Amino acid sequence: MQPTTKKLESTLKVLNGHLEAKQFYEAHQVLRSVAIRFMKKQDYDNAIELVYTGALELANYDQWNSVADLISLLLEIYTRSHVKVENESKDRLYDLLQDFPSSNKSVFKVTEAAIKWSINEGNSPLGDPELHHFFGSFYRTGGQYEKAEKHYFFGTKLSPVSCGVMMLDWAQECNTTEYGLFAARGVLGYLLVDWFGGAVSCFNAFLKAFKERSIQSVEQRTIGKSDLTTSYVSSQPILNFCNLILQTVERSDGNPSSKATELFIRLRNEYCSQFGENEGCICRSLDKIGEIYFGLVPSRPQNPFADIMSGLFGNGGGANAPVNNSSRSSLPGFSLD
């Protein structure tokens, strides 16, 4: 091991020489070639140390494309050597990505590769929740809300709160008054991945921020004969719907003949039309929610992620796409593919 350690030290000296001379391409190539030699010898510890240390140095010079390539190489080493998803292995990724510009085109492949590694070497079939939360916050900071929500839906217990506040930020950036559409995006997203507690936390965080920002007045109201009490906003029927649907799901016992199921069907029929152009995908979303929580059999075979979530609230453009208030136009869509 001693000769290999000397090789690591000598390579880092060569790297620093290239960096001081601003020979960034040469520095990148030296790192890559030596790391691959370590990998061929199955000397994975030194390969990891070299790539990690070298990428940090290149990050100091804002060489983000090279950093992205080296992170991908680091994840390849993780995969080949079956590095477990632990604090140390994740911390290296956090260190390398904390200042990485989220607008860089290479970062999406890096985040996807990291989640894939965490699925293979971790304990969650959907990817490590802490990584998901980190990537959600990473994309949120860069204003890439569509990418952020995909990770928040599978994150930690902190993720739904972050997601709820993010949804209100997103709505305000879109200069829309239809805040409920954005709340529903989070609430229904969590319900579709069968995380009821996440849906509740997301809604509560959204509503708390909504009140704190004094956007519109909120009052408590009992709805009809349902004995459901909701935080009611007179001009936000979809926001009211989110609260009611959560209370209805909470009462469900999975029995399709229960009073909760009856109320769910009534809410679905009464509120779907409030979503305007989004009515079709909302109905499909609610059909899936009815199957998950109320034992209802869908009228046709469904693939909720490919069919519903890829088109949830439409197939519009980027995170800052404006919303036409008069026509309830579709919001930017997202995909879990």
C-alpha atoms as a PDB file:
ATOM      1  CA  MET A   1       0.000   0.000   0.000  1.00  0.00           C
ATOM      2  CA  GLN A   2       2.911   2.376   0.689  1.00  0.00           C
ATOM      3  CA  PRO A   3       3.990   2.769  -2.995  1.00  0.00           C
ATOM      4  CA  THR A   4       0.387   3.473  -3.958  1.00  0.00           C
ATOM      5  CA  THR A   5       0.103   6.109  -1.238  1.00  0.00           C
ATOM      6  CA  LYS A   6       3.219   7.790  -2.612  1.00  0.00           C
ATOM      7  CA  LYS A   7       1.620   7.730  -6.057  1.00  0.00           C
ATOM      8  CA  LEU A   8      -1.424   9.491  -4.646  1.00  0.00           C
ATOM      9  CA  GLU A   9       0.721  12.156  -3.013  1.00  0.00           C
ATOM     10  CA  SER A  10       2.826  12.722  -6.128  1.00  0.00           C
ATOM     11  CA  THR A  11      -0.291  12.986  -8.306  1.00  0.00           C
ATOM     12  CA  LEU A  12      -1.765  15.634  -6.033  1.00  0.00           C
ATOM     13  CA  LYS A  13       1.481  17.621  -6.296  1.00  0.00           C
ATOM     14  CA  VAL A  14       1.307  17.435 -10.093  1.00  0.00           C
ATOM     15  CA  LEU A  15      -2.338  18.490  -9.894  1.00  0.00           C
ATOM     16  CA  ASN A  16      -1.514  21.554  -7.817  1.00  0.00           C
ATOM     17  CA  GLY A  17       1.194  22.528 -10.290  1.00  0.00           C
ATOM     18  CA  HIS A  18      -1.284  22.422 -13.182  1.00  0.00           C
ATOM     19  CA  LEU A  19      -3.841  24.400 -11.204  1.00  0.00           C
ATOM     20  CA  GLU A  20      -1.352  27.120 -10.273  1.00  0.00           C
ATOM     21  CA  ALA A  21      -0.497  27.404 -13.960  1.00  0.00           C
ATOM     22  CA  LYS A  22      -4.253  27.439 -14.777  1.00  0.00           C
ATOM     23  CA  GLN A  23      -3.797  24.313 -16.882  1.00  0.00           C
ATOM     24  CA  PHE A  24      -7.218  22.969 -15.963  1.00  0.00           C
ATOM     25  CA  TYR A  25      -7.603  20.487 -18.802  1.00  0.00           C
ATOM     26  CA  GLU A  26      -4.258  18.900 -17.955  1.00  0.00           C
ATOM     27  CA  ALA A  27      -5.174  18.765 -14.266  1.00  0.00           C
ATOM     28  CA  HIS A  28      -8.437  17.015 -15.074  1.00  0.00           C
ATOM     29  CA  GLN A  29      -6.767  14.467 -17.343  1.00  0.00           C
ATOM     30  CA  VAL A  30      -4.066  13.634 -14.799  1.00  0.00           C
ATOM     31  CA  LEU A  31      -6.685  12.981 -12.147  1.00  0.00           C
ATOM     32  CA  ARG A  32      -8.747  10.800 -14.434  1.00  0.00           C
ATOM     33  CA  SER A  33      -5.920   8.693 -15.776  1.00  0.00           C
ATOM     34  CA  VAL A  34      -4.364   7.976 -12.374  1.00  0.00           C
ATOM     35  CA  ALA A  35      -7.761   7.261 -10.809  1.00  0.00           C
ATOM     36  CA  ILE A  36      -8.530   4.734 -13.543  1.00  0.00           C
ATOM     37  CA  ARG A  37      -5.188   3.052 -12.893  1.00  0.00           C
ATOM     38  CA  PHE A  38      -6.099   2.766  -9.224  1.00  0.00           C
ATOM     39  CA  MET A  39      -9.439   1.278 -10.225  1.00  0.00           C
ATOM     40  CA  LYS A  40      -7.816  -1.337 -12.450  1.00  0.00           C
ATOM     41  CA  LYS A  41      -5.708  -2.398  -9.478  1.00  0.00           C
ATOM     42  CA  GLN A  42      -8.878  -2.426  -7.344  1.00  0.00           C
ATOM     43  CA  ASP A  43      -7.246   0.144  -5.104  1.00  0.00           C
ATOM     44  CA  TYR A  44     -10.556   1.859  -4.574  1.00  0.00           C
ATOM     45  CA  ASP A  45      -9.663   3.741  -1.396  1.00  0.00           C
ATOM     46  CA  ASN A  46      -6.921   5.711  -3.109  1.00  0.00           C
ATOM     47  CA  ALA A  47      -9.064   6.171  -6.213  1.00  0.00           C
ATOM     48  CA  ILE A  48     -11.814   7.707  -4.082  1.00  0.00           C
ATOM     49  CA  GLU A  49      -9.409   9.950  -2.183  1.00  0.00           C
ATOM     50  CA  LEU A  50      -7.746  11.167  -5.381  1.00  0.00           C
ATOM     51  CA  VAL A  51     -10.967  11.937  -7.231  1.00  0.00           C
ATOM     52  CA  TYR A  52     -12.602  13.583  -4.223  1.00  0.00           C
ATOM     53  CA  THR A  53      -9.601  15.754  -3.327  1.00  0.00           C
ATOM     54  CA  GLY A  54      -8.916  16.668  -6.939  1.00  0.00           C
ATOM     55  CA  ALA A  55     -12.528  17.597  -7.625  1.00  0.00           C
ATOM     56  CA  LEU A  56     -12.551  19.873  -4.579  1.00  0.00           C
ATOM     57  CA  GLU A  57      -9.454  21.645  -5.904  1.00  0.00           C
ATOM     58  CA  LEU A  58     -11.011  22.107  -9.344  1.00  0.00           C
ATOM     59  CA  ALA A  59     -14.173  23.453  -7.709  1.00  0.00           C
ATOM     60  CA  ASN A  60     -12.062  26.215  -6.163  1.00  0.00           C
ATOM     61  CA  TYR A  61     -11.357  27.356  -9.739  1.00  0.00           C
ATOM     62  CA  ASP A  62     -15.018  27.023 -10.859  1.00  0.00           C
ATOM     63  CA  GLN A  63     -14.188  24.201 -13.268  1.00  0.00           C
ATOM     64  CA  TRP A  64     -17.668  22.776 -12.937  1.00  0.00           C
ATOM     65  CA  ASN A  65     -17.736  20.580 -16.032  1.00  0.00           C
ATOM     66  CA  SER A  66     -14.590  18.852 -14.818  1.00  0.00           C
ATOM     67  CA  VAL A  67     -16.038  18.591 -11.323  1.00  0.00           C
ATOM     68  CA  ALA A  68     -19.209  17.001 -12.720  1.00  0.00           C
ATOM     69  CA  ASP A  69     -17.169  14.468 -14.655  1.00  0.00           C
ATOM     70  CA  LEU A  70     -15.152  13.600 -11.557  1.00  0.00           C
ATOM     71  CA  ILE A  71     -18.282  13.241  -9.423  1.00  0.00           C
ATOM     72  CA  SER A  72     -19.602  10.815 -12.031  1.00  0.00           C
ATOM     73  CA  LEU A  73     -16.304   8.945 -11.818  1.00  0.00           C
ATOM     74  CA  LEU A  74     -16.532   8.933  -8.020  1.00  0.00           C
ATOM     75  CA  LEU A  75     -20.000   7.389  -8.246  1.00  0.00           C
ATOM     76  CA  GLU A  76     -18.678   4.808 -10.695  1.00  0.00           C
ATOM     77  CA  ILE A  77     -16.013   3.871  -8.136  1.00  0.00           C
ATOM     78  CA  TYR A  78     -18.684   3.717  -5.435  1.00  0.00           C
ATOM     79  CA  THR A  79     -20.714   1.364  -7.597  1.00  0.00           C
ATOM     80  CA  ARG A  80     -17.836  -0.896  -8.615  1.00  0.00           C
ATOM     81  CA  SER A  81     -16.514  -1.227  -5.082  1.00  0.00           C
ATOM     82  CA  HIS A  82     -19.988  -1.447  -3.514  1.00  0.00           C
ATOM     83  CA  VAL A  83     -19.464   1.528  -1.232  1.00  0.00           C
ATOM     84  CA  LYS A  84     -22.388   1.647   1.166  1.00  0.00           C
ATOM     85  CA  VAL A  85     -24.683   4.640   1.474  1.00  0.00           C
ATOM     86  CA  GLU A  86     -23.339   6.077   4.710  1.00  0.00           C
ATOM     87  CA  ASN A  87     -22.607   9.528   6.088  1.00  0.00           C
ATOM     88  CA  GLU A  88     -19.000   9.512   4.873  1.00  0.00           C
ATOM     89  CA  SER A  89     -19.837   8.516   1.304  1.00  0.00           C
ATOM     90  CA  LYS A  90     -22.717  11.006   1.123  1.00  0.00           C
ATOM     91  CA  ASP A  91     -20.689  13.807   2.702  1.00  0.00           C
ATOM     92  CA  ARG A  92     -18.219  13.666  -0.176  1.00  0.00           C
ATOM     93  CA  LEU A  93     -21.082  14.307  -2.593  1.00  0.00           C
ATOM     94  CA  TYR A  94     -22.456  17.127  -0.461  1.00  0.00           C
ATOM     95  CA  ASP A  95     -19.022  18.762  -0.318  1.00  0.00           C
ATOM     96  CA  LEU A  96     -18.617  18.620  -4.081  1.00  0.00           C
ATOM     97  CA  LEU A  97     -22.121  19.829  -4.889  1.00  0.00           C
ATOM     98  CA  GLN A  98     -22.733  22.503  -2.262  1.00  0.00           C
ATOM     99  CA  ASP A  99     -21.418  25.309  -4.497  1.00  0.00           C
ATOM    100  CA  PHE A 100     -22.191  23.631  -7.812  1.00  0.00           C
ATOM    101  CA  PRO A 101     -24.384  25.828 -10.065  1.00  0.00           C
ATOM    102  CA  SER A 102     -27.741  24.088 -10.472  1.00  0.00           C
ATOM    103  CA  SER A 103     -28.039  25.572 -13.971  1.00  0.00           C
ATOM    104  CA  ASN A 104     -25.077  23.511 -15.202  1.00  0.00           C
ATOM    105  CA  LYS A 105     -26.381  20.933 -17.668  1.00  0.00           C
ATOM    106  CA  SER A 106     -24.151  18.205 -16.246  1.00  0.00           C
ATOM    107  CA  VAL A 107     -25.676  18.259 -12.781  1.00  0.00           C
ATOM    108  CA  PHE A 108     -28.849  16.364 -13.701  1.00  0.00           C
ATOM    109  CA  LYS A 109     -26.859  13.296 -14.765  1.00  0.00           C
ATOM    110  CA  VAL A 110     -24.868  13.519 -11.543  1.00  0.00           C
ATOM    111  CA  THR A 111     -27.958  13.605  -9.337  1.00  0.00           C
ATOM    112  CA  GLU A 112     -29.557  10.733 -11.251  1.00  0.00           C
ATOM    113  CA  ALA A 113     -26.378   8.660 -10.915  1.00  0.00           C
ATOM    114  CA  ALA A 114     -26.205   9.399  -7.186  1.00  0.00           C
ATOM    115  CA  ILE A 115     -29.781   8.248  -6.632  1.00  0.00           C
ATOM    116  CA  LYS A 116     -29.165   5.121  -8.709  1.00  0.00           C
ATOM    117  CA  TRP A 117     -26.108   4.293  -6.584  1.00  0.00           C
ATOM    118  CA  SER A 118     -28.110   4.839  -3.393  1.00  0.00           C
ATOM    119  CA  ILE A 119     -30.811   2.466  -4.650  1.00  0.00           C
ATOM    120  CA  ASN A 120     -28.247  -0.235  -5.380  1.00  0.00           C
ATOM    121  CA  GLU A 121     -26.171   0.164  -2.227  1.00  0.00           C
ATOM    122  CA  GLY A 122     -28.642   1.607   0.270  1.00  0.00           C
ATOM    123  CA  ASN A 123     -31.726   0.497   2.144  1.00  0.00           C
ATOM    124  CA  SER A 124     -34.427   2.325   0.191  1.00  0.00           C
ATOM    125  CA  PRO A 125     -35.783   1.054  -3.142  1.00  0.00           C
ATOM    126  CA  LEU A 126     -36.622   4.651  -4.075  1.00  0.00           C
ATOM    127  CA  GLY A 127     -33.230   6.104  -3.231  1.00  0.00           C
ATOM    128  CA  ASP A 128     -31.720   7.452  -0.037  1.00  0.00           C
ATOM    129  CA  PRO A 129     -34.108   9.986   1.582  1.00  0.00           C
ATOM    130  CA  GLU A 130     -31.272  12.242   2.771  1.00  0.00           C
ATOM    131  CA  LEU A 131     -29.841  12.418  -0.729  1.00  0.00           C
ATOM    132  CA  HIS A 132     -33.296  13.181  -2.095  1.00  0.00           C
ATOM    133  CA  HIS A 133     -33.737  15.991   0.423  1.00  0.00           C
ATOM    134  CA  PHE A 134     -30.312  17.414  -0.389  1.00  0.00           C
ATOM    135  CA  PHE A 135     -31.028  17.380  -4.126  1.00  0.00           C
ATOM    136  CA  GLY A 136     -34.486  18.854  -3.570  1.00  0.00           C
ATOM    137  CA  SER A 137     -32.974  21.762  -1.647  1.00  0.00           C
ATOM    138  CA  PHE A 138     -30.165  22.031  -4.200  1.00  0.00           C
ATOM    139  CA  TYR A 139     -32.583  22.489  -7.095  1.00  0.00           C
ATOM    140  CA  ARG A 140     -34.919  24.689  -5.067  1.00  0.00           C
ATOM    141  CA  THR A 141     -32.096  27.120  -4.301  1.00  0.00           C
ATOM    142  CA  GLY A 142     -31.478  27.398  -8.035  1.00  0.00           C
ATOM    143  CA  GLY A 143     -35.159  28.019  -8.770  1.00  0.00           C
ATOM    144  CA  GLN A 144     -35.586  24.670 -10.535  1.00  0.00           C
ATOM    145  CA  TYR A 145     -38.771  23.736  -8.747  1.00  0.00           C
ATOM    146  CA  GLU A 146     -39.904  20.945 -11.043  1.00  0.00           C
ATOM    147  CA  LYS A 147     -36.708  19.024 -10.387  1.00  0.00           C
ATOM    148  CA  ALA A 148     -36.787  19.885  -6.693  1.00  0.00           C
ATOM    149  CA  GLU A 149     -40.257  18.460  -6.096  1.00  0.00           C
ATOM    150  CA  LYS A 150     -39.325  15.085  -7.579  1.00  0.00           C
ATOM    151  CA  HIS A 151     -36.724  14.686  -4.858  1.00  0.00           C
ATOM    152  CA  TYR A 152     -38.793  16.210  -2.060  1.00  0.00           C
ATOM    153  CA  PHE A 153     -41.517  13.606  -2.669  1.00  0.00           C
ATOM    154  CA  PHE A 154     -39.050  10.876  -1.647  1.00  0.00           C
ATOM    155  CA  GLY A 155     -37.046  12.779   0.953  1.00  0.00           C
ATOM    156  CA  THR A 156     -36.876  12.969   4.738  1.00  0.00           C
ATOM    157  CA  LYS A 157     -39.490  14.199   7.199  1.00  0.00           C
ATOM    158  CA  LEU A 158     -38.138  17.712   6.562  1.00  0.00           C
ATOM    159  CA  SER A 159     -38.845  17.521   2.835  1.00  0.00           C
ATOM    160  CA  PRO A 160     -42.641  18.060   2.868  1.00  0.00           C
ATOM    161  CA  VAL A 161     -42.226  21.277   4.870  1.00  0.00           C
ATOM    162  CA  SER A 162     -39.609  22.551   2.429  1.00  0.00           C
ATOM    163  CA  CYS A 163     -41.815  21.493  -0.467  1.00  0.00           C
ATOM    164  CA  GLY A 164     -44.862  23.307   0.916  1.00  0.00           C
ATOM    165  CA  VAL A 165     -43.021  26.606   1.320  1.00  0.00           C
ATOM    166  CA  MET A 166     -41.413  26.127  -2.098  1.00  0.00           C
ATOM    167  CA  MET A 167     -44.827  25.710  -3.719  1.00  0.00           C
ATOM    168  CA  LEU A 168     -45.938  29.078  -2.370  1.00  0.00           C
ATOM    169  CA  ASP A 169     -42.678  30.678  -3.519  1.00  0.00           C
ATOM    170  CA  TRP A 170     -43.286  29.179  -6.957  1.00  0.00           C
ATOM    171  CA  ALA A 171     -46.850  30.501  -7.087  1.00  0.00           C
ATOM    172  CA  GLN A 172     -45.729  34.007  -6.183  1.00  0.00           C
ATOM    173  CA  GLU A 173     -42.946  33.946  -8.758  1.00  0.00           C
ATOM    174  CA  CYS A 174     -45.547  32.998 -11.376  1.00  0.00           C
ATOM    175  CA  ASN A 175     -47.608  36.073 -10.435  1.00  0.00           C
ATOM    176  CA  THR A 176     -50.747  33.967 -10.102  1.00  0.00           C
ATOM    177  CA  THR A 177     -53.635  34.289  -7.681  1.00  0.00           C
ATOM    178  CA  GLU A 178     -54.485  30.592  -8.012  1.00  0.00           C
ATOM    179  CA  TYR A 179     -52.421  29.472  -5.061  1.00  0.00           C
ATOM    180  CA  GLY A 180     -54.456  26.317  -4.600  1.00  0.00           C
ATOM    181  CA  LEU A 181     -53.099  24.835  -7.817  1.00  0.00           C
ATOM    182  CA  PHE A 182     -49.612  24.898  -6.367  1.00  0.00           C
ATOM    183  CA  ALA A 183     -50.720  23.556  -2.988  1.00  0.00           C
ATOM    184  CA  ALA A 184     -52.500  20.715  -4.801  1.00  0.00           C
ATOM    185  CA  ARG A 185     -49.361  19.957  -6.734  1.00  0.00           C
ATOM    186  CA  GLY A 186     -47.589  19.133  -3.480  1.00  0.00           C
ATOM    187  CA  VAL A 187     -50.503  17.530  -1.634  1.00  0.00           C
ATOM    188  CA  LEU A 188     -51.565  15.225  -4.465  1.00  0.00           C
ATOM    189  CA  GLY A 189     -47.947  14.403  -5.259  1.00  0.00           C
ATOM    190  CA  TYR A 190     -47.370  13.092  -1.738  1.00  0.00           C
ATOM    191  CA  LEU A 191     -50.669  11.206  -1.726  1.00  0.00           C
ATOM    192  CA  LEU A 192     -49.785   9.549  -5.033  1.00  0.00           C
ATOM    193  CA  VAL A 193     -46.548   8.190  -3.586  1.00  0.00           C
ATOM    194  CA  ASP A 194     -48.527   6.939  -0.564  1.00  0.00           C
ATOM    195  CA  TRP A 195     -47.049   9.354   1.977  1.00  0.00           C
ATOM    196  CA  PHE A 196     -50.070  10.766   3.766  1.00  0.00           C
ATOM    197  CA  GLY A 197     -48.023  12.375   6.543  1.00  0.00           C
ATOM    198  CA  GLY A 198     -45.942  14.118   3.903  1.00  0.00           C
ATOM    199  CA  ALA A 199     -49.075  15.479   2.235  1.00  0.00           C
ATOM    200  CA  VAL A 200     -50.320  16.871   5.559  1.00  0.00           C
ATOM    201  CA  SER A 201     -46.966  18.474   6.405  1.00  0.00           C
ATOM    202  CA  CYS A 202     -46.700  19.956   2.922  1.00  0.00           C
ATOM    203  CA  PHE A 203     -50.165  21.514   3.145  1.00  0.00           C
ATOM    204  CA  ASN A 204     -49.630  22.835   6.671  1.00  0.00           C
ATOM    205  CA  ALA A 205     -46.325  24.446   5.658  1.00  0.00           C
ATOM    206  CA  PHE A 206     -47.965  26.012   2.599  1.00  0.00           C
ATOM    207  CA  LEU A 207     -50.880  27.371   4.643  1.00  0.00           C
ATOM    208  CA  LYS A 208     -48.604  28.653   7.429  1.00  0.00           C
ATOM    209  CA  ALA A 209     -46.515  30.603   4.912  1.00  0.00           C
ATOM    210  CA  PHE A 210     -49.719  31.765   3.188  1.00  0.00           C
ATOM    211  CA  LYS A 211     -50.934  33.260   6.489  1.00  0.00           C
ATOM    212  CA  GLU A 212     -47.556  34.724   7.457  1.00  0.00           C
ATOM    213  CA  ARG A 213     -47.290  36.523   4.133  1.00  0.00           C
ATOM    214  CA  SER A 214     -50.827  37.925   4.607  1.00  0.00           C
ATOM    215  CA  ILE A 215     -51.795  36.968   1.081  1.00  0.00           C
ATOM    216  CA  GLN A 216     -55.506  36.540   1.847  1.00  0.00           C
ATOM    217  CA  SER A 217     -57.584  36.114   4.989  1.00  0.00           C
ATOM    218  CA  VAL A 218     -58.095  32.589   6.326  1.00  0.00           C
ATOM    219  CA  GLU A 219     -61.052  31.537   8.477  1.00  0.00           C
ATOM    220  CA  GLN A 220     -62.276  28.278  10.002  1.00  0.00           C
ATOM    221  CA  ARG A 221     -65.458  26.912   8.460  1.00  0.00           C
ATOM    222  CA  THR A 222     -67.494  23.705   8.633  1.00  0.00           C
ATOM    223  CA  ILE A 223     -68.447  22.399   5.202  1.00  0.00           C
ATOM    224  CA  GLY A 224     -72.132  21.522   4.804  1.00  0.00           C
ATOM    225  CA  LYS A 225     -73.256  18.329   6.531  1.00  0.00           C
ATOM    226  CA  SER A 226     -69.832  16.727   6.265  1.00  0.00           C
ATOM    227  CA  ASP A 227     -68.715  17.922   9.756  1.00  0.00           C
ATOM    228  CA  LEU A 228     -65.327  18.672   8.176  1.00  0.00           C
ATOM    229  CA  THR A 229     -63.779  21.901   9.427  1.00  0.00           C
ATOM    230  CA  THR A 230     -61.388  23.567   7.033  1.00  0.00           C
ATOM    231  CA  SER A 231     -59.136  26.583   6.986  1.00  0.00           C
ATOM    232  CA  TYR A 232     -61.295  28.384   4.457  1.00  0.00           C
ATOM    233  CA  VAL A 233     -60.148  30.989   1.946  1.00  0.00           C
ATOM    234  CA  SER A 234     -63.114  32.427   0.079  1.00  0.00           C
ATOM    235  CA  SER A 235     -61.362  32.951  -3.261  1.00  0.00           C
ATOM    236  CA  GLN A 236     -59.292  29.735  -3.178  1.00  0.00           C
ATOM    237  CA  PRO A 237     -61.583  26.715  -3.747  1.00  0.00           C
ATOM    238  CA  ILE A 238     -58.693  24.435  -4.689  1.00  0.00           C
ATOM    239  CA  LEU A 239     -56.808  25.344  -1.514  1.00  0.00           C
ATOM    240  CA  ASN A 240     -59.948  24.491   0.460  1.00  0.00           C
ATOM    241  CA  PHE A 241     -60.225  21.232  -1.477  1.00  0.00           C
ATOM    242  CA  CYS A 242     -56.680  20.241  -0.447  1.00  0.00           C
ATOM    243  CA  ASN A 243     -57.604  20.573   3.213  1.00  0.00           C
ATOM    244  CA  LEU A 244     -60.843  18.615   2.779  1.00  0.00           C
ATOM    245  CA  ILE A 245     -59.248  15.791   0.814  1.00  0.00           C
ATOM    246  CA  LEU A 246     -56.615  15.339   3.530  1.00  0.00           C
ATOM    247  CA  GLN A 247     -59.250  15.147   6.255  1.00  0.00           C
ATOM    248  CA  THR A 248     -61.206  12.641   4.186  1.00  0.00           C
ATOM    249  CA  VAL A 249     -58.169  10.430   3.572  1.00  0.00           C
ATOM    250  CA  GLU A 250     -57.398  10.547   7.294  1.00  0.00           C
ATOM    251  CA  ARG A 251     -60.852   9.104   8.046  1.00  0.00           C
ATOM    252  CA  SER A 252     -60.610   6.306   5.520  1.00  0.00           C
ATOM    253  CA  ASP A 253     -60.216   2.680   6.582  1.00  0.00           C
ATOM    254  CA  GLY A 254     -59.845   1.310   3.058  1.00  0.00           C
ATOM    255  CA  ASN A 255     -63.493   0.247   2.904  1.00  0.00           C
ATOM    256  CA  PRO A 256     -65.065   1.311  -0.425  1.00  0.00           C
ATOM    257  CA  SER A 257     -68.495   1.396   1.270  1.00  0.00           C
ATOM    258  CA  SER A 258     -67.522   3.684   4.149  1.00  0.00           C
ATOM    259  CA  LYS A 259     -68.794   7.202   4.799  1.00  0.00           C
ATOM    260  CA  ALA A 260     -65.281   8.490   4.160  1.00  0.00           C
ATOM    261  CA  THR A 261     -65.312   6.924   0.701  1.00  0.00           C
ATOM    262  CA  GLU A 262     -68.725   8.435  -0.003  1.00  0.00           C
ATOM    263  CA  LEU A 263     -67.397  11.850   0.977  1.00  0.00           C
ATOM    264  CA  PHE A 264     -64.262  11.353  -1.125  1.00  0.00           C
ATOM    265  CA  ILE A 265     -66.353  10.592  -4.215  1.00  0.00           C
ATOM    266  CA  ARG A 266     -68.488  13.669  -3.557  1.00  0.00           C
ATOM    267  CA  LEU A 267     -65.415  15.880  -3.220  1.00  0.00           C
ATOM    268  CA  ARG A 268     -63.957  14.441  -6.409  1.00  0.00           C
ATOM    269  CA  ASN A 269     -67.126  15.127  -8.360  1.00  0.00           C
ATOM    270  CA  GLU A 270     -67.652  18.609  -6.937  1.00  0.00           C
ATOM    271  CA  TYR A 271     -64.115  19.961  -7.197  1.00  0.00           C
ATOM    272  CA  CYS A 272     -62.559  18.426 -10.314  1.00  0.00           C
ATOM    273  CA  SER A 273     -64.118  21.065 -12.548  1.00  0.00           C
ATOM    274  CA  GLN A 274     -62.397  23.774 -10.473  1.00  0.00           C
ATOM    275  CA  PHE A 275     -59.082  22.710 -12.038  1.00  0.00           C
ATOM    276  CA  GLY A 276     -60.082  23.884 -15.523  1.00  0.00           C
ATOM    277  CA  GLU A 277     -57.674  22.577 -18.158  1.00  0.00           C
ATOM    278  CA  ASN A 278     -56.108  20.375 -15.516  1.00  0.00           C
ATOM    279  CA  GLU A 279     -59.377  18.537 -14.819  1.00  0.00           C
ATOM    280  CA  GLY A 280     -58.444  15.368 -16.726  1.00  0.00           C
ATOM    281  CA  CYS A 281     -55.153  14.706 -14.976  1.00  0.00           C
ATOM    282  CA  ILE A 282     -56.640  15.665 -11.608  1.00  0.00           C
ATOM    283  CA  CYS A 283     -59.432  13.128 -12.085  1.00  0.00           C
ATOM    284  CA  ARG A 284     -56.878  10.453 -12.894  1.00  0.00           C
ATOM    285  CA  SER A 285     -54.835  11.455  -9.853  1.00  0.00           C
ATOM    286  CA  LEU A 286     -57.881  11.212  -7.625  1.00  0.00           C
ATOM    287  CA  ASP A 287     -58.819   7.853  -9.132  1.00  0.00           C
ATOM    288  CA  LYS A 288     -55.412   6.550  -8.072  1.00  0.00           C
ATOM    289  CA  ILE A 289     -55.775   8.114  -4.625  1.00  0.00           C
ATOM    290  CA  GLY A 290     -59.173   6.431  -4.361  1.00  0.00           C
ATOM    291  CA  GLU A 291     -57.516   3.117  -5.121  1.00  0.00           C
ATOM    292  CA  ILE A 292     -54.686   3.631  -2.607  1.00  0.00           C
ATOM    293  CA  TYR A 293     -56.692   4.914   0.355  1.00  0.00           C
ATOM    294  CA  PHE A 294     -60.345   3.984  -0.210  1.00  0.00           C
ATOM    295  CA  GLY A 295     -60.216   0.575  -1.882  1.00  0.00           C
ATOM    296  CA  LEU A 296     -61.883   1.844  -5.041  1.00  0.00           C
ATOM    297  CA  VAL A 297     -61.230  -0.137  -8.216  1.00  0.00           C
ATOM    298  CA  PRO A 298     -60.127   2.058 -11.145  1.00  0.00           C
ATOM    299  CA  SER A 299     -62.260   1.960 -14.258  1.00  0.00           C
ATOM    300  CA  ARG A 300     -59.221   1.258 -16.431  1.00  0.00           C
ATOM    301  CA  PRO A 301     -55.617   0.086 -15.910  1.00  0.00           C
ATOM    302  CA  GLN A 302     -53.431   2.897 -14.622  1.00  0.00           C
ATOM    303  CA  ASN A 303     -49.768   3.723 -14.466  1.00  0.00           C
ATOM    304  CA  PRO A 304     -49.819   6.653 -12.036  1.00  0.00           C
ATOM    305  CA  PHE A 305     -46.246   7.790 -12.615  1.00  0.00           C
ATOM    306  CA  ALA A 306     -46.118   7.555 -16.399  1.00  0.00           C
ATOM    307  CA  ASP A 307     -49.690   8.714 -16.954  1.00  0.00           C
ATOM    308  CA  ILE A 308     -50.527  11.042 -14.106  1.00  0.00           C
ATOM    309  CA  MET A 309     -47.359  12.501 -12.679  1.00  0.00           C
ATOM    310  CA  SER A 310     -45.682  13.098 -16.023  1.00  0.00           C
ATOM    311  CA  GLY A 311     -48.644  15.265 -16.948  1.00  0.00           C
ATOM    312  CA  LEU A 312     -49.772  16.534 -13.566  1.00  0.00           C
ATOM    313  CA  PHE A 313     -51.009  20.083 -14.051  1.00  0.00           C
ATOM    314  CA  GLY A 314     -50.104  20.038 -17.716  1.00  0.00           C
ATOM    315  CA  ASN A 315     -46.981  19.921 -19.835  1.00  0.00           C
ATOM    316  CA  GLY A 316     -45.940  23.527 -19.716  1.00  0.00           C
ATOM    317  CA  GLY A 317     -42.507  25.078 -19.729  1.00  0.00           C
ATOM    318  CA  GLY A 318     -40.054  26.061 -17.040  1.00  0.00           C
ATOM    319  CA  ALA A 319     -40.432  26.888 -13.416  1.00  0.00           C
ATOM    320  CA  ASN A 320     -41.158  30.545 -14.063  1.00  0.00           C
ATOM    321  CA  ALA A 321     -43.776  30.009 -16.741  1.00  0.00           C
ATOM    322  CA  PRO A 322     -46.666  32.432 -16.158  1.00  0.00           C
ATOM    323  CA  VAL A 323     -50.127  31.190 -15.262  1.00  0.00           C
ATOM    324  CA  ASN A 324     -53.141  32.647 -17.035  1.00  0.00           C
ATOM    325  CA  ASN A 325     -55.572  33.303 -14.192  1.00  0.00           C
ATOM    326  CA  SER A 326     -58.620  33.756 -16.368  1.00  0.00           C
ATOM    327  CA  SER A 327     -58.393  30.393 -18.114  1.00  0.00           C
ATOM    328  CA  ARG A 328     -56.811  28.297 -15.320  1.00  0.00           C
ATOM    329  CA  SER A 329     -54.062  27.297 -17.709  1.00  0.00           C
ATOM    330  CA  SER A 330     -51.842  24.294 -17.062  1.00  0.00           C
ATOM    331  CA  LEU A 331     -48.890  24.566 -14.745  1.00  0.00           C
ATOM    332  CA  PRO A 332     -45.445  23.244 -15.639  1.00  0.00           C
ATOM    333  CA  GLY A 333     -45.504  19.465 -15.543  1.00  0.00           C
ATOM    334  CA  PHE A 334     -42.971  17.041 -14.123  1.00  0.00           C
ATOM    335  CA  SER A 335     -41.811  13.511 -14.750  1.00  0.00           C
ATOM    336  CA  LEU A 336     -40.484  10.798 -12.471  1.00  0.00           C
ATOM    337  CA  ASP A 337     -38.820   8.969 -15.321  1.00  0.00           C
END
